[in-house]
Every structure is written in structure tokens, then in C-alpha cells.
N, C-alpha and C. Protein backbone atom coordinates (compact mmCIF):
# COMPACT_ATOMS: atom_id res chain seq x y z
N UNK A 1 -11.28 -12.88 -4.21
CA UNK A 1 -10.19 -13.64 -4.76
C UNK A 1 -10.56 -15.10 -5.00
N UNK A 2 -11.49 -15.60 -4.20
CA UNK A 2 -11.95 -16.96 -4.43
C UNK A 2 -12.70 -17.05 -5.76
N UNK A 3 -13.43 -15.98 -6.09
CA UNK A 3 -14.13 -15.93 -7.38
C UNK A 3 -13.14 -15.97 -8.53
N UNK A 4 -12.04 -15.23 -8.37
CA UNK A 4 -10.97 -15.22 -9.38
C UNK A 4 -10.41 -16.63 -9.56
N UNK A 5 -10.19 -17.31 -8.45
CA UNK A 5 -9.66 -18.68 -8.47
C UNK A 5 -10.62 -19.62 -9.20
N UNK A 6 -11.92 -19.53 -8.86
CA UNK A 6 -12.90 -20.42 -9.47
C UNK A 6 -13.07 -20.13 -10.96
N UNK A 7 -13.04 -18.85 -11.34
CA UNK A 7 -13.20 -18.50 -12.75
C UNK A 7 -12.02 -19.01 -13.57
N UNK A 8 -10.82 -18.86 -13.03
CA UNK A 8 -9.64 -19.37 -13.73
C UNK A 8 -9.72 -20.87 -13.92
N UNK A 9 -10.22 -21.57 -12.91
CA UNK A 9 -10.28 -23.03 -12.95
C UNK A 9 -11.40 -23.52 -13.88
N UNK A 10 -12.57 -22.89 -13.77
CA UNK A 10 -13.75 -23.41 -14.47
C UNK A 10 -13.92 -22.85 -15.88
N UNK A 11 -13.54 -21.59 -16.08
CA UNK A 11 -13.76 -20.95 -17.38
C UNK A 11 -12.53 -20.99 -18.28
N UNK A 12 -11.33 -20.95 -17.68
CA UNK A 12 -10.12 -20.86 -18.49
C UNK A 12 -9.26 -22.11 -18.44
N UNK A 13 -9.71 -23.11 -17.71
CA UNK A 13 -8.99 -24.38 -17.71
C UNK A 13 -7.67 -24.36 -16.96
N UNK A 14 -7.49 -23.40 -16.05
CA UNK A 14 -6.27 -23.36 -15.25
C UNK A 14 -6.31 -24.49 -14.23
N UNK A 15 -5.22 -25.23 -14.13
CA UNK A 15 -5.14 -26.34 -13.18
C UNK A 15 -4.30 -25.95 -11.98
N UNK A 16 -4.80 -26.22 -10.81
CA UNK A 16 -4.06 -26.01 -9.57
C UNK A 16 -3.68 -27.37 -9.02
N UNK A 17 -2.39 -27.65 -8.95
CA UNK A 17 -1.93 -28.97 -8.53
C UNK A 17 -1.03 -28.80 -7.31
N UNK A 18 -1.43 -29.38 -6.21
CA UNK A 18 -0.58 -29.37 -5.02
C UNK A 18 0.34 -30.57 -5.09
N UNK A 19 1.64 -30.29 -5.17
CA UNK A 19 2.58 -31.38 -5.40
C UNK A 19 3.98 -30.96 -5.00
N UNK A 20 4.89 -31.91 -5.10
CA UNK A 20 6.32 -31.65 -4.93
C UNK A 20 6.96 -31.70 -6.31
N UNK A 21 7.32 -30.53 -6.84
CA UNK A 21 7.94 -30.46 -8.18
C UNK A 21 9.44 -30.64 -8.04
N UNK A 22 10.00 -31.59 -8.82
CA UNK A 22 11.45 -31.86 -8.71
C UNK A 22 12.23 -31.24 -9.86
N UNK A 23 11.70 -31.32 -11.10
CA UNK A 23 12.43 -30.76 -12.25
C UNK A 23 11.46 -30.11 -13.23
N UNK A 24 11.97 -29.12 -13.95
CA UNK A 24 11.25 -28.51 -15.07
C UNK A 24 12.23 -28.44 -16.24
N UNK A 25 11.90 -29.12 -17.34
CA UNK A 25 12.79 -29.15 -18.50
C UNK A 25 12.06 -28.59 -19.72
N UNK A 26 12.80 -27.83 -20.54
CA UNK A 26 12.22 -27.21 -21.72
C UNK A 26 12.50 -28.05 -22.96
N UNK A 27 11.48 -28.24 -23.77
CA UNK A 27 11.64 -28.91 -25.05
C UNK A 27 12.21 -27.89 -26.03
N UNK A 28 13.42 -28.11 -26.58
CA UNK A 28 14.04 -27.10 -27.46
C UNK A 28 13.28 -26.87 -28.76
N UNK A 29 12.45 -27.79 -29.16
CA UNK A 29 11.71 -27.65 -30.41
C UNK A 29 10.41 -26.87 -30.23
N UNK A 30 9.69 -27.16 -29.16
CA UNK A 30 8.39 -26.52 -28.95
C UNK A 30 8.42 -25.44 -27.87
N UNK A 31 9.50 -25.41 -27.10
CA UNK A 31 9.61 -24.51 -25.94
C UNK A 31 8.60 -24.83 -24.85
N UNK A 32 7.90 -25.96 -24.98
CA UNK A 32 7.02 -26.39 -23.90
C UNK A 32 7.84 -26.89 -22.71
N UNK A 33 7.20 -26.95 -21.56
CA UNK A 33 7.89 -27.33 -20.34
C UNK A 33 7.37 -28.67 -19.83
N UNK A 34 8.28 -29.55 -19.55
CA UNK A 34 7.93 -30.83 -18.94
C UNK A 34 8.30 -30.76 -17.46
N UNK A 35 7.32 -30.96 -16.64
CA UNK A 35 7.54 -30.88 -15.20
C UNK A 35 7.38 -32.27 -14.60
N UNK A 36 8.32 -32.63 -13.76
CA UNK A 36 8.24 -33.89 -13.03
C UNK A 36 7.84 -33.58 -11.60
N UNK A 37 6.78 -34.22 -11.15
CA UNK A 37 6.31 -33.92 -9.80
C UNK A 37 5.72 -35.17 -9.16
N UNK A 38 5.63 -35.10 -7.85
CA UNK A 38 5.04 -36.18 -7.07
C UNK A 38 3.66 -35.70 -6.61
N UNK A 39 2.64 -36.48 -6.95
CA UNK A 39 1.28 -36.11 -6.58
C UNK A 39 1.05 -36.34 -5.09
N UNK A 40 -0.10 -35.86 -4.61
CA UNK A 40 -0.44 -36.03 -3.20
C UNK A 40 -0.59 -37.50 -2.83
N UNK A 41 -0.83 -38.36 -3.84
CA UNK A 41 -0.96 -39.80 -3.56
C UNK A 41 0.38 -40.53 -3.64
N UNK A 42 1.46 -39.78 -3.97
CA UNK A 42 2.79 -40.38 -4.03
C UNK A 42 3.21 -40.85 -5.39
N UNK A 43 2.40 -40.60 -6.43
CA UNK A 43 2.72 -41.06 -7.79
C UNK A 43 3.67 -40.07 -8.47
N UNK A 44 4.71 -40.58 -9.14
CA UNK A 44 5.66 -39.76 -9.88
C UNK A 44 5.13 -39.53 -11.29
N UNK A 45 5.00 -38.26 -11.70
CA UNK A 45 4.36 -37.93 -12.97
C UNK A 45 5.26 -36.99 -13.77
N UNK A 46 5.37 -37.24 -15.10
CA UNK A 46 5.99 -36.31 -16.03
C UNK A 46 4.88 -35.78 -16.93
N UNK A 47 4.72 -34.45 -16.98
CA UNK A 47 3.64 -33.87 -17.76
C UNK A 47 4.12 -32.61 -18.47
N UNK A 48 3.65 -32.45 -19.71
CA UNK A 48 4.10 -31.31 -20.52
C UNK A 48 3.05 -30.20 -20.52
N UNK A 49 3.54 -28.96 -20.38
CA UNK A 49 2.66 -27.79 -20.36
C UNK A 49 3.24 -26.70 -21.24
N UNK A 50 2.35 -25.81 -21.69
CA UNK A 50 2.83 -24.61 -22.39
C UNK A 50 3.37 -23.59 -21.40
N UNK A 51 2.77 -23.56 -20.22
CA UNK A 51 3.23 -22.64 -19.18
C UNK A 51 3.04 -23.29 -17.82
N UNK A 52 3.99 -23.08 -16.94
CA UNK A 52 3.90 -23.61 -15.59
C UNK A 52 4.18 -22.48 -14.61
N UNK A 53 3.32 -22.32 -13.61
CA UNK A 53 3.54 -21.34 -12.55
C UNK A 53 3.76 -22.12 -11.26
N UNK A 54 4.95 -21.96 -10.68
CA UNK A 54 5.27 -22.64 -9.43
C UNK A 54 5.04 -21.65 -8.29
N UNK A 55 4.01 -21.88 -7.52
CA UNK A 55 3.66 -21.00 -6.41
C UNK A 55 4.18 -21.61 -5.12
N UNK A 56 5.13 -20.94 -4.51
CA UNK A 56 5.75 -21.49 -3.30
C UNK A 56 4.91 -21.16 -2.08
N UNK A 57 5.12 -21.93 -1.04
CA UNK A 57 4.40 -21.70 0.21
C UNK A 57 4.95 -20.50 0.95
N UNK A 58 4.22 -20.06 1.96
CA UNK A 58 4.62 -18.92 2.77
C UNK A 58 4.94 -19.40 4.18
N UNK A 59 6.10 -19.00 4.67
CA UNK A 59 6.45 -19.35 6.04
C UNK A 59 6.99 -18.11 6.74
N UNK A 60 6.92 -18.07 8.08
CA UNK A 60 7.38 -16.88 8.80
C UNK A 60 8.88 -16.66 8.60
N UNK A 61 9.28 -15.40 8.58
CA UNK A 61 10.70 -15.09 8.44
C UNK A 61 11.42 -15.32 9.76
N UNK A 62 12.73 -15.42 9.68
CA UNK A 62 13.51 -15.63 10.91
C UNK A 62 13.38 -14.44 11.85
N UNK A 63 13.19 -13.22 11.29
CA UNK A 63 13.03 -12.03 12.14
C UNK A 63 11.71 -12.09 12.91
N UNK A 64 10.67 -12.57 12.23
CA UNK A 64 9.38 -12.71 12.91
C UNK A 64 9.48 -13.72 14.05
N UNK A 65 10.13 -14.83 13.80
CA UNK A 65 10.30 -15.85 14.83
C UNK A 65 11.11 -15.32 15.99
N UNK A 66 12.18 -14.57 15.68
CA UNK A 66 13.02 -14.01 16.73
C UNK A 66 12.27 -13.02 17.60
N UNK A 67 11.45 -12.17 16.94
CA UNK A 67 10.66 -11.19 17.69
C UNK A 67 9.65 -11.88 18.59
N UNK A 68 8.98 -12.90 18.06
CA UNK A 68 7.99 -13.63 18.85
C UNK A 68 8.64 -14.29 20.06
N UNK A 69 9.83 -14.85 19.87
CA UNK A 69 10.52 -15.50 20.99
C UNK A 69 10.94 -14.49 22.05
N UNK A 70 11.42 -13.33 21.61
CA UNK A 70 11.83 -12.31 22.58
C UNK A 70 10.64 -11.78 23.38
N UNK A 71 9.47 -11.70 22.73
CA UNK A 71 8.28 -11.19 23.40
C UNK A 71 7.56 -12.26 24.21
N UNK A 72 7.95 -13.50 24.03
CA UNK A 72 7.29 -14.59 24.75
C UNK A 72 5.92 -14.93 24.18
N UNK A 73 5.75 -14.74 22.87
CA UNK A 73 4.47 -15.02 22.21
C UNK A 73 4.47 -16.47 21.71
N UNK A 74 3.40 -17.18 22.00
CA UNK A 74 3.31 -18.58 21.55
C UNK A 74 3.16 -18.66 20.04
N UNK A 75 3.78 -19.69 19.46
CA UNK A 75 3.69 -19.94 18.02
C UNK A 75 2.95 -21.25 17.79
N UNK A 76 2.30 -21.36 16.62
CA UNK A 76 1.63 -22.62 16.29
C UNK A 76 2.60 -23.58 15.62
N UNK A 77 2.09 -24.71 15.15
CA UNK A 77 2.95 -25.75 14.59
C UNK A 77 3.67 -25.32 13.32
N UNK A 78 3.17 -24.24 12.68
CA UNK A 78 3.79 -23.78 11.43
C UNK A 78 4.73 -22.60 11.66
N UNK A 79 4.84 -22.17 12.91
CA UNK A 79 5.74 -21.06 13.21
C UNK A 79 5.09 -19.70 13.18
N UNK A 80 3.77 -19.63 12.94
CA UNK A 80 3.05 -18.37 12.98
C UNK A 80 2.58 -18.07 14.40
N UNK A 81 2.32 -16.80 14.69
CA UNK A 81 1.82 -16.43 16.01
C UNK A 81 0.48 -17.11 16.26
N UNK A 82 0.35 -17.70 17.41
CA UNK A 82 -0.86 -18.46 17.73
C UNK A 82 -1.97 -17.52 18.18
N UNK A 83 -3.15 -17.67 17.57
CA UNK A 83 -4.34 -16.90 17.94
C UNK A 83 -5.53 -17.86 18.01
N UNK A 84 -6.66 -17.37 18.50
CA UNK A 84 -7.86 -18.20 18.54
C UNK A 84 -8.88 -17.69 17.53
N UNK A 85 -9.88 -18.49 17.25
CA UNK A 85 -10.86 -18.17 16.20
C UNK A 85 -11.59 -16.87 16.47
N UNK A 86 -11.98 -16.65 17.72
CA UNK A 86 -12.80 -15.49 18.05
C UNK A 86 -11.98 -14.28 18.47
N UNK A 87 -10.67 -14.44 18.63
CA UNK A 87 -9.78 -13.30 18.91
C UNK A 87 -8.57 -13.39 17.98
N UNK A 88 -8.80 -13.13 16.70
CA UNK A 88 -7.75 -13.37 15.70
C UNK A 88 -6.57 -12.41 15.76
N UNK A 89 -6.65 -11.34 16.56
CA UNK A 89 -5.52 -10.41 16.65
C UNK A 89 -4.84 -10.45 18.01
N UNK A 90 -5.38 -11.21 18.95
CA UNK A 90 -4.80 -11.31 20.29
C UNK A 90 -3.82 -12.46 20.35
N UNK A 91 -2.61 -12.19 20.82
CA UNK A 91 -1.62 -13.24 21.00
C UNK A 91 -1.76 -13.83 22.41
N UNK A 92 -0.87 -14.75 22.73
CA UNK A 92 -0.89 -15.37 24.05
C UNK A 92 -0.39 -14.42 25.13
N UNK A 93 0.21 -13.30 24.75
CA UNK A 93 0.75 -12.33 25.70
C UNK A 93 -0.19 -11.13 25.74
N UNK A 94 -0.70 -10.82 26.91
CA UNK A 94 -1.64 -9.71 27.05
C UNK A 94 -0.98 -8.40 26.64
N UNK A 95 -1.70 -7.63 25.84
CA UNK A 95 -1.18 -6.34 25.39
C UNK A 95 -0.38 -6.40 24.11
N UNK A 96 -0.14 -7.60 23.57
CA UNK A 96 0.59 -7.76 22.31
C UNK A 96 -0.38 -8.31 21.27
N UNK A 97 -0.52 -7.58 20.17
CA UNK A 97 -1.48 -7.95 19.14
C UNK A 97 -0.77 -8.25 17.83
N UNK A 98 -1.45 -8.99 16.98
CA UNK A 98 -0.86 -9.43 15.73
C UNK A 98 -1.83 -9.16 14.59
N UNK A 99 -1.28 -8.82 13.44
CA UNK A 99 -2.12 -8.64 12.26
C UNK A 99 -1.30 -9.01 11.02
N UNK A 100 -1.98 -9.13 9.90
CA UNK A 100 -1.28 -9.48 8.67
C UNK A 100 -0.83 -10.93 8.67
N UNK A 101 0.23 -11.22 7.91
CA UNK A 101 0.67 -12.59 7.71
C UNK A 101 1.50 -13.13 8.87
N UNK A 102 1.58 -12.39 9.98
CA UNK A 102 2.31 -12.90 11.13
C UNK A 102 1.57 -14.05 11.81
N UNK A 103 0.25 -14.11 11.62
CA UNK A 103 -0.52 -15.19 12.23
C UNK A 103 -0.88 -16.29 11.23
N UNK A 104 -0.96 -15.95 9.97
CA UNK A 104 -1.20 -16.92 8.90
C UNK A 104 -1.25 -16.17 7.58
N UNK A 105 -1.09 -16.84 6.44
CA UNK A 105 -1.22 -16.15 5.15
C UNK A 105 -2.61 -15.55 4.99
N UNK A 106 -2.66 -14.30 4.50
CA UNK A 106 -3.94 -13.62 4.33
C UNK A 106 -3.91 -12.79 3.06
N UNK A 107 -5.12 -12.42 2.59
CA UNK A 107 -5.18 -11.48 1.47
C UNK A 107 -5.31 -10.06 2.03
N UNK A 108 -5.20 -9.07 1.15
CA UNK A 108 -5.08 -7.68 1.57
C UNK A 108 -6.29 -7.16 2.35
N UNK A 109 -7.54 -7.38 1.92
CA UNK A 109 -8.67 -6.84 2.69
C UNK A 109 -8.68 -7.31 4.15
N UNK A 110 -8.37 -8.58 4.38
CA UNK A 110 -8.35 -9.10 5.75
C UNK A 110 -7.22 -8.47 6.55
N UNK A 111 -6.08 -8.26 5.90
CA UNK A 111 -4.95 -7.62 6.57
C UNK A 111 -5.32 -6.22 7.03
N UNK A 112 -5.99 -5.47 6.14
CA UNK A 112 -6.38 -4.10 6.47
C UNK A 112 -7.35 -4.08 7.65
N UNK A 113 -8.33 -4.97 7.63
CA UNK A 113 -9.31 -5.04 8.73
C UNK A 113 -8.62 -5.37 10.05
N UNK A 114 -7.73 -6.35 10.02
CA UNK A 114 -7.10 -6.75 11.27
C UNK A 114 -6.11 -5.70 11.76
N UNK A 115 -5.46 -4.98 10.85
CA UNK A 115 -4.57 -3.90 11.27
C UNK A 115 -5.35 -2.81 12.00
N UNK A 116 -6.54 -2.49 11.48
CA UNK A 116 -7.40 -1.50 12.14
C UNK A 116 -7.83 -2.02 13.52
N UNK A 117 -8.16 -3.31 13.59
CA UNK A 117 -8.57 -3.90 14.86
C UNK A 117 -7.45 -3.87 15.89
N UNK A 118 -6.23 -4.20 15.46
CA UNK A 118 -5.08 -4.19 16.37
C UNK A 118 -4.82 -2.77 16.87
N UNK A 119 -4.91 -1.80 15.97
CA UNK A 119 -4.71 -0.40 16.37
C UNK A 119 -5.77 0.03 17.37
N UNK A 120 -7.02 -0.41 17.18
CA UNK A 120 -8.09 -0.06 18.11
C UNK A 120 -7.84 -0.66 19.49
N UNK A 121 -7.36 -1.90 19.53
CA UNK A 121 -7.07 -2.54 20.81
C UNK A 121 -5.95 -1.82 21.55
N UNK A 122 -4.92 -1.42 20.81
CA UNK A 122 -3.83 -0.66 21.43
C UNK A 122 -4.34 0.68 21.94
N UNK A 123 -5.20 1.34 21.14
CA UNK A 123 -5.77 2.61 21.55
C UNK A 123 -6.57 2.48 22.84
N UNK A 124 -7.25 1.36 22.99
CA UNK A 124 -8.04 1.13 24.21
C UNK A 124 -7.12 1.02 25.42
N UNK A 125 -5.97 0.36 25.27
CA UNK A 125 -5.03 0.23 26.38
C UNK A 125 -4.41 1.58 26.76
N UNK A 126 -4.30 2.46 25.77
CA UNK A 126 -3.63 3.74 26.00
C UNK A 126 -4.60 4.88 26.31
N UNK A 127 -5.87 4.54 26.56
CA UNK A 127 -6.87 5.60 26.72
C UNK A 127 -6.57 6.53 27.88
N UNK A 128 -5.95 6.04 28.94
CA UNK A 128 -5.67 6.90 30.09
C UNK A 128 -4.65 7.98 29.78
N UNK A 129 -3.77 7.74 28.83
CA UNK A 129 -2.74 8.74 28.51
C UNK A 129 -3.01 9.42 27.18
N UNK A 130 -4.21 9.20 26.66
CA UNK A 130 -4.54 9.79 25.37
C UNK A 130 -4.48 11.33 25.46
N UNK A 131 -3.77 11.93 24.54
CA UNK A 131 -3.69 13.38 24.47
C UNK A 131 -2.61 14.01 25.32
N UNK A 132 -1.91 13.21 26.15
CA UNK A 132 -0.92 13.80 27.06
C UNK A 132 0.36 14.23 26.34
N UNK A 133 0.60 13.73 25.15
CA UNK A 133 1.82 14.10 24.42
C UNK A 133 1.53 14.99 23.22
N UNK A 134 0.32 15.53 23.18
CA UNK A 134 -0.04 16.39 22.05
C UNK A 134 0.65 17.74 22.19
N UNK A 135 1.10 18.25 21.07
CA UNK A 135 1.72 19.58 21.03
C UNK A 135 0.79 20.54 20.30
N UNK A 136 0.68 21.73 20.84
CA UNK A 136 -0.18 22.73 20.23
C UNK A 136 0.42 23.20 18.91
N UNK A 137 -0.39 23.19 17.87
CA UNK A 137 0.06 23.60 16.56
C UNK A 137 0.27 25.11 16.54
N UNK A 138 1.46 25.51 16.13
CA UNK A 138 1.78 26.93 16.05
C UNK A 138 1.85 27.34 14.58
N UNK A 139 1.07 28.32 14.23
CA UNK A 139 1.01 28.80 12.86
C UNK A 139 1.82 30.08 12.72
N UNK A 140 2.39 30.33 11.54
CA UNK A 140 3.11 31.60 11.33
C UNK A 140 2.13 32.76 11.39
N UNK A 141 2.64 33.91 11.77
CA UNK A 141 1.78 35.09 11.87
C UNK A 141 1.27 35.48 10.49
N UNK A 142 0.02 35.93 10.44
CA UNK A 142 -0.58 36.32 9.17
C UNK A 142 -0.06 37.69 8.73
N UNK A 143 -0.01 37.85 7.42
CA UNK A 143 0.42 39.13 6.83
C UNK A 143 -0.82 39.91 6.41
N UNK A 144 -0.91 41.13 6.84
CA UNK A 144 -2.05 41.98 6.49
C UNK A 144 -1.88 42.50 5.06
N UNK A 145 -2.75 42.06 4.16
CA UNK A 145 -2.65 42.48 2.75
C UNK A 145 -3.73 43.49 2.39
N UNK A 146 -4.35 44.08 3.40
CA UNK A 146 -5.40 45.06 3.16
C UNK A 146 -4.87 46.22 2.33
N UNK A 147 -5.58 46.53 1.27
CA UNK A 147 -5.21 47.66 0.42
C UNK A 147 -4.17 47.36 -0.64
N UNK A 148 -3.57 46.18 -0.60
CA UNK A 148 -2.58 45.84 -1.61
C UNK A 148 -3.26 45.46 -2.92
N UNK A 149 -2.60 45.77 -4.02
CA UNK A 149 -3.10 45.32 -5.32
C UNK A 149 -2.94 43.80 -5.40
N UNK A 150 -3.89 43.12 -6.01
CA UNK A 150 -3.80 41.66 -6.09
C UNK A 150 -2.54 41.20 -6.82
N UNK A 151 -1.86 40.24 -6.21
CA UNK A 151 -0.75 39.53 -6.85
C UNK A 151 -1.06 38.04 -6.68
N UNK A 152 -1.53 37.45 -7.78
CA UNK A 152 -2.12 36.11 -7.72
C UNK A 152 -1.13 35.05 -8.21
N UNK A 153 -1.07 33.98 -7.47
CA UNK A 153 -0.32 32.80 -7.90
C UNK A 153 -1.28 31.67 -8.19
N UNK A 154 -1.12 31.03 -9.35
CA UNK A 154 -2.00 29.93 -9.76
C UNK A 154 -1.17 28.65 -9.85
N UNK A 155 -1.58 27.63 -9.12
CA UNK A 155 -0.88 26.35 -9.09
C UNK A 155 -1.83 25.27 -9.59
N UNK A 156 -1.51 24.69 -10.74
CA UNK A 156 -2.41 23.74 -11.40
C UNK A 156 -1.88 22.33 -11.16
N UNK A 157 -2.75 21.48 -10.61
CA UNK A 157 -2.36 20.11 -10.24
C UNK A 157 -2.74 19.13 -11.35
N UNK A 158 -1.78 18.26 -11.69
CA UNK A 158 -2.08 17.19 -12.65
C UNK A 158 -2.75 16.01 -11.95
N UNK A 159 -2.48 15.87 -10.64
CA UNK A 159 -3.00 14.74 -9.85
C UNK A 159 -2.69 13.42 -10.55
N UNK A 160 -1.41 13.25 -10.88
CA UNK A 160 -1.02 12.08 -11.68
C UNK A 160 -1.69 12.15 -13.03
N UNK A 161 -2.60 11.21 -13.31
CA UNK A 161 -3.38 11.26 -14.55
C UNK A 161 -4.86 11.48 -14.26
N UNK A 162 -5.22 11.64 -12.97
CA UNK A 162 -6.63 11.82 -12.64
C UNK A 162 -7.20 13.08 -13.26
N UNK A 163 -6.43 14.18 -13.18
CA UNK A 163 -6.85 15.43 -13.81
C UNK A 163 -6.25 15.53 -15.21
N UNK A 164 -4.94 15.24 -15.31
CA UNK A 164 -4.25 15.40 -16.60
C UNK A 164 -4.82 14.48 -17.67
N UNK A 165 -5.51 13.40 -17.26
CA UNK A 165 -6.09 12.49 -18.25
C UNK A 165 -7.29 13.07 -18.97
N UNK A 166 -7.91 14.09 -18.39
CA UNK A 166 -9.10 14.67 -19.01
C UNK A 166 -8.98 16.17 -19.24
N UNK A 167 -7.96 16.80 -18.64
CA UNK A 167 -7.77 18.24 -18.77
C UNK A 167 -6.39 18.51 -19.36
N UNK A 168 -6.32 19.43 -20.33
CA UNK A 168 -5.03 19.85 -20.90
C UNK A 168 -4.38 20.82 -19.92
N UNK A 169 -3.63 20.28 -18.96
CA UNK A 169 -3.08 21.08 -17.88
C UNK A 169 -2.14 22.18 -18.39
N UNK A 170 -1.20 21.90 -19.30
CA UNK A 170 -0.34 22.99 -19.80
C UNK A 170 -1.14 24.14 -20.42
N UNK A 171 -2.25 23.82 -21.09
CA UNK A 171 -3.07 24.87 -21.69
C UNK A 171 -3.75 25.70 -20.60
N UNK A 172 -4.16 25.04 -19.51
CA UNK A 172 -4.75 25.78 -18.38
C UNK A 172 -3.72 26.73 -17.78
N UNK A 173 -2.48 26.26 -17.66
CA UNK A 173 -1.41 27.11 -17.13
C UNK A 173 -1.19 28.32 -18.02
N UNK A 174 -1.13 28.10 -19.34
CA UNK A 174 -0.92 29.21 -20.27
C UNK A 174 -2.08 30.20 -20.21
N UNK A 175 -3.30 29.68 -20.08
CA UNK A 175 -4.46 30.58 -19.99
C UNK A 175 -4.40 31.40 -18.70
N UNK A 176 -3.99 30.76 -17.60
CA UNK A 176 -3.91 31.48 -16.33
C UNK A 176 -2.92 32.63 -16.40
N UNK A 177 -1.83 32.45 -17.17
CA UNK A 177 -0.83 33.51 -17.32
C UNK A 177 -1.42 34.77 -17.94
N UNK A 178 -2.46 34.60 -18.74
CA UNK A 178 -3.04 35.74 -19.46
C UNK A 178 -4.06 36.51 -18.64
N UNK A 179 -4.42 35.99 -17.46
CA UNK A 179 -5.46 36.62 -16.66
C UNK A 179 -4.91 37.81 -15.88
N UNK A 180 -5.75 38.79 -15.60
CA UNK A 180 -5.30 40.00 -14.88
C UNK A 180 -4.77 39.66 -13.49
N UNK A 181 -3.71 40.33 -13.11
CA UNK A 181 -3.11 40.26 -11.77
C UNK A 181 -2.45 38.93 -11.44
N UNK A 182 -2.36 38.01 -12.41
CA UNK A 182 -1.65 36.73 -12.19
C UNK A 182 -0.16 36.97 -12.47
N UNK A 183 0.66 36.80 -11.45
CA UNK A 183 2.10 37.06 -11.59
C UNK A 183 2.93 35.78 -11.50
N UNK A 184 2.28 34.65 -11.18
CA UNK A 184 3.02 33.39 -11.04
C UNK A 184 2.10 32.23 -11.37
N UNK A 185 2.55 31.33 -12.24
CA UNK A 185 1.79 30.12 -12.55
C UNK A 185 2.75 28.92 -12.50
N UNK A 186 2.28 27.84 -11.95
CA UNK A 186 3.09 26.62 -11.85
C UNK A 186 2.22 25.40 -12.13
N UNK A 187 2.84 24.40 -12.73
CA UNK A 187 2.18 23.11 -12.97
C UNK A 187 2.90 22.04 -12.18
N UNK A 188 2.15 21.23 -11.40
CA UNK A 188 2.77 20.21 -10.57
C UNK A 188 2.00 18.89 -10.71
N UNK A 189 2.72 17.76 -10.54
CA UNK A 189 2.07 16.45 -10.63
C UNK A 189 1.11 16.26 -9.46
N UNK A 190 1.58 16.59 -8.25
CA UNK A 190 0.73 16.47 -7.06
C UNK A 190 0.93 17.73 -6.20
N UNK A 191 0.00 18.65 -6.30
CA UNK A 191 0.11 19.89 -5.52
C UNK A 191 -0.04 19.61 -4.03
N UNK A 192 -0.73 18.53 -3.66
CA UNK A 192 -0.96 18.22 -2.25
C UNK A 192 0.27 17.62 -1.58
N UNK A 193 1.32 17.29 -2.33
CA UNK A 193 2.49 16.66 -1.74
C UNK A 193 3.28 17.66 -0.90
N UNK A 194 4.10 17.13 0.00
CA UNK A 194 4.90 17.97 0.88
C UNK A 194 5.84 18.86 0.08
N UNK A 195 6.46 18.31 -0.96
CA UNK A 195 7.38 19.10 -1.79
C UNK A 195 6.66 20.26 -2.46
N UNK A 196 5.47 19.99 -2.98
CA UNK A 196 4.72 21.04 -3.66
C UNK A 196 4.26 22.12 -2.68
N UNK A 197 3.90 21.71 -1.46
CA UNK A 197 3.52 22.70 -0.44
C UNK A 197 4.68 23.63 -0.15
N UNK A 198 5.89 23.06 -0.08
CA UNK A 198 7.08 23.89 0.13
C UNK A 198 7.31 24.84 -1.03
N UNK A 199 7.06 24.35 -2.25
CA UNK A 199 7.22 25.20 -3.45
C UNK A 199 6.27 26.38 -3.39
N UNK A 200 5.03 26.13 -2.99
CA UNK A 200 4.05 27.21 -2.91
C UNK A 200 4.51 28.28 -1.92
N UNK A 201 5.03 27.84 -0.79
CA UNK A 201 5.53 28.81 0.19
C UNK A 201 6.66 29.65 -0.39
N UNK A 202 7.58 28.98 -1.12
CA UNK A 202 8.70 29.71 -1.73
C UNK A 202 8.20 30.72 -2.76
N UNK A 203 7.23 30.33 -3.57
CA UNK A 203 6.72 31.22 -4.60
C UNK A 203 5.96 32.41 -4.00
N UNK A 204 5.28 32.16 -2.87
CA UNK A 204 4.59 33.26 -2.19
C UNK A 204 5.60 34.32 -1.76
N UNK A 205 6.73 33.87 -1.20
CA UNK A 205 7.76 34.82 -0.77
C UNK A 205 8.45 35.46 -1.96
N UNK A 206 8.78 34.64 -2.97
CA UNK A 206 9.53 35.14 -4.13
C UNK A 206 8.76 36.20 -4.90
N UNK A 207 7.46 35.98 -5.11
CA UNK A 207 6.65 36.89 -5.93
C UNK A 207 5.76 37.80 -5.09
N UNK A 208 5.91 37.73 -3.77
CA UNK A 208 5.11 38.57 -2.87
C UNK A 208 3.62 38.38 -3.17
N UNK A 209 3.20 37.11 -3.22
CA UNK A 209 1.82 36.81 -3.56
C UNK A 209 0.88 37.14 -2.40
N UNK A 210 -0.27 37.69 -2.71
CA UNK A 210 -1.30 37.89 -1.68
C UNK A 210 -2.62 37.21 -2.04
N UNK A 211 -2.62 36.45 -3.11
CA UNK A 211 -3.74 35.59 -3.50
C UNK A 211 -3.15 34.29 -4.05
N UNK A 212 -3.73 33.17 -3.69
CA UNK A 212 -3.27 31.88 -4.20
C UNK A 212 -4.46 31.06 -4.67
N UNK A 213 -4.36 30.53 -5.87
CA UNK A 213 -5.40 29.65 -6.42
C UNK A 213 -4.76 28.31 -6.72
N UNK A 214 -5.33 27.23 -6.20
CA UNK A 214 -4.86 25.89 -6.48
C UNK A 214 -5.91 25.18 -7.29
């Protein structure tokens, strides 16, 4: 993202101005915008632009502050959860970890890394009880289809546009209908979704399928 910032500034002439903007007025003839702002040196400036982007600062929400106060977590001068340089996910309260913009504004890759780190730290604290609440997966009893004539169901996935962008999915469905022993064909946007999995189960029961192709 820093590369994006530098390219916009150096190659496209985008200006980043840290200031206090008081007014933005439109010129009715040119539709240009005149912005009045105070520079970092205290000078009052009126300047005309074709486009102005006002990027506001980020501050913690009242809910974040309330949660931190209830947990007894120290905050820094800006109201974010206080952390140290070498332990960026550890708060002042042992066993309470922070990630994302709760400690300071961050971009997405850093948020993802710190979220994984916080989860790992919590997992370490819970290692003694790991697996104690696991439930054994119970599967439905299998149906013996030995000797039955094939009854095939074909479910063709569009995968959004990943497959549909290069494959004529409706044509594949029509072709599947013409194949021997195919008694059911369906086209779905995401066959892997929970809804589609339920549909497959229903179609298996409805058409008494003993073969399934996805």
C-alpha cells in the first residue's frame, strides 16, 4: 500500500495534505471545488481543485472503549489498547489479546497476521483443555446399492464465474441429461455451499440416486 501511495504522489500528481478543512464550495460555472483549510503551519489557504478527497481520521468506537474499561485494559493517549513494540497483540491484562484496529489503524495483511497470532496465544492458554469438548461425528447409515441399476445424479457447479467464465455450464447440463442412466441434473452457482449440499441430499432421496457426480 505504501507503493500505491508513492505511485499516486509521484506519477499521477496526487497531493496529500494534512490540514484542518473548514469549507468546500463549488464553482457553479466550472464545477470545481474551492477548499478552505488551515495548513500545519497555521496558514489559512483557499485553493481550487477539480476533485477533493477528504480522508477522516480513525478513532476507537465508544463500544471498544467501554469493553476495554470493563476488562481493565490500559489505553494509550489516543484511546487505543496499549501494547508494546515486541508484543503487539498482548494487552496490559494477562490473557487478553488484541488485534486489528483496536490497538491502532492497520491495513488488512497486518490485521490478518495479528488475528492469527492472537488466536495462537489463546490456543496456548487453552492447551490443557484442548479436545475436551469435542463431539464424535455421527454419520447416517450407508445404503447398500449392490446390484441396483445405476441412477446417476449430475450436479454442475458454476463456482460464481470461476467455472462459468470459461465453461458453458447450461450446455454441460444439457449434455449430461443425454448420458445413459442419468436421471437428475442440476446447475448451481456454488455446489459447495450449505444450501446446495442440502439440495443434493433432497435430490438423492427424491430420485433414489445411487451415483452422484459433482
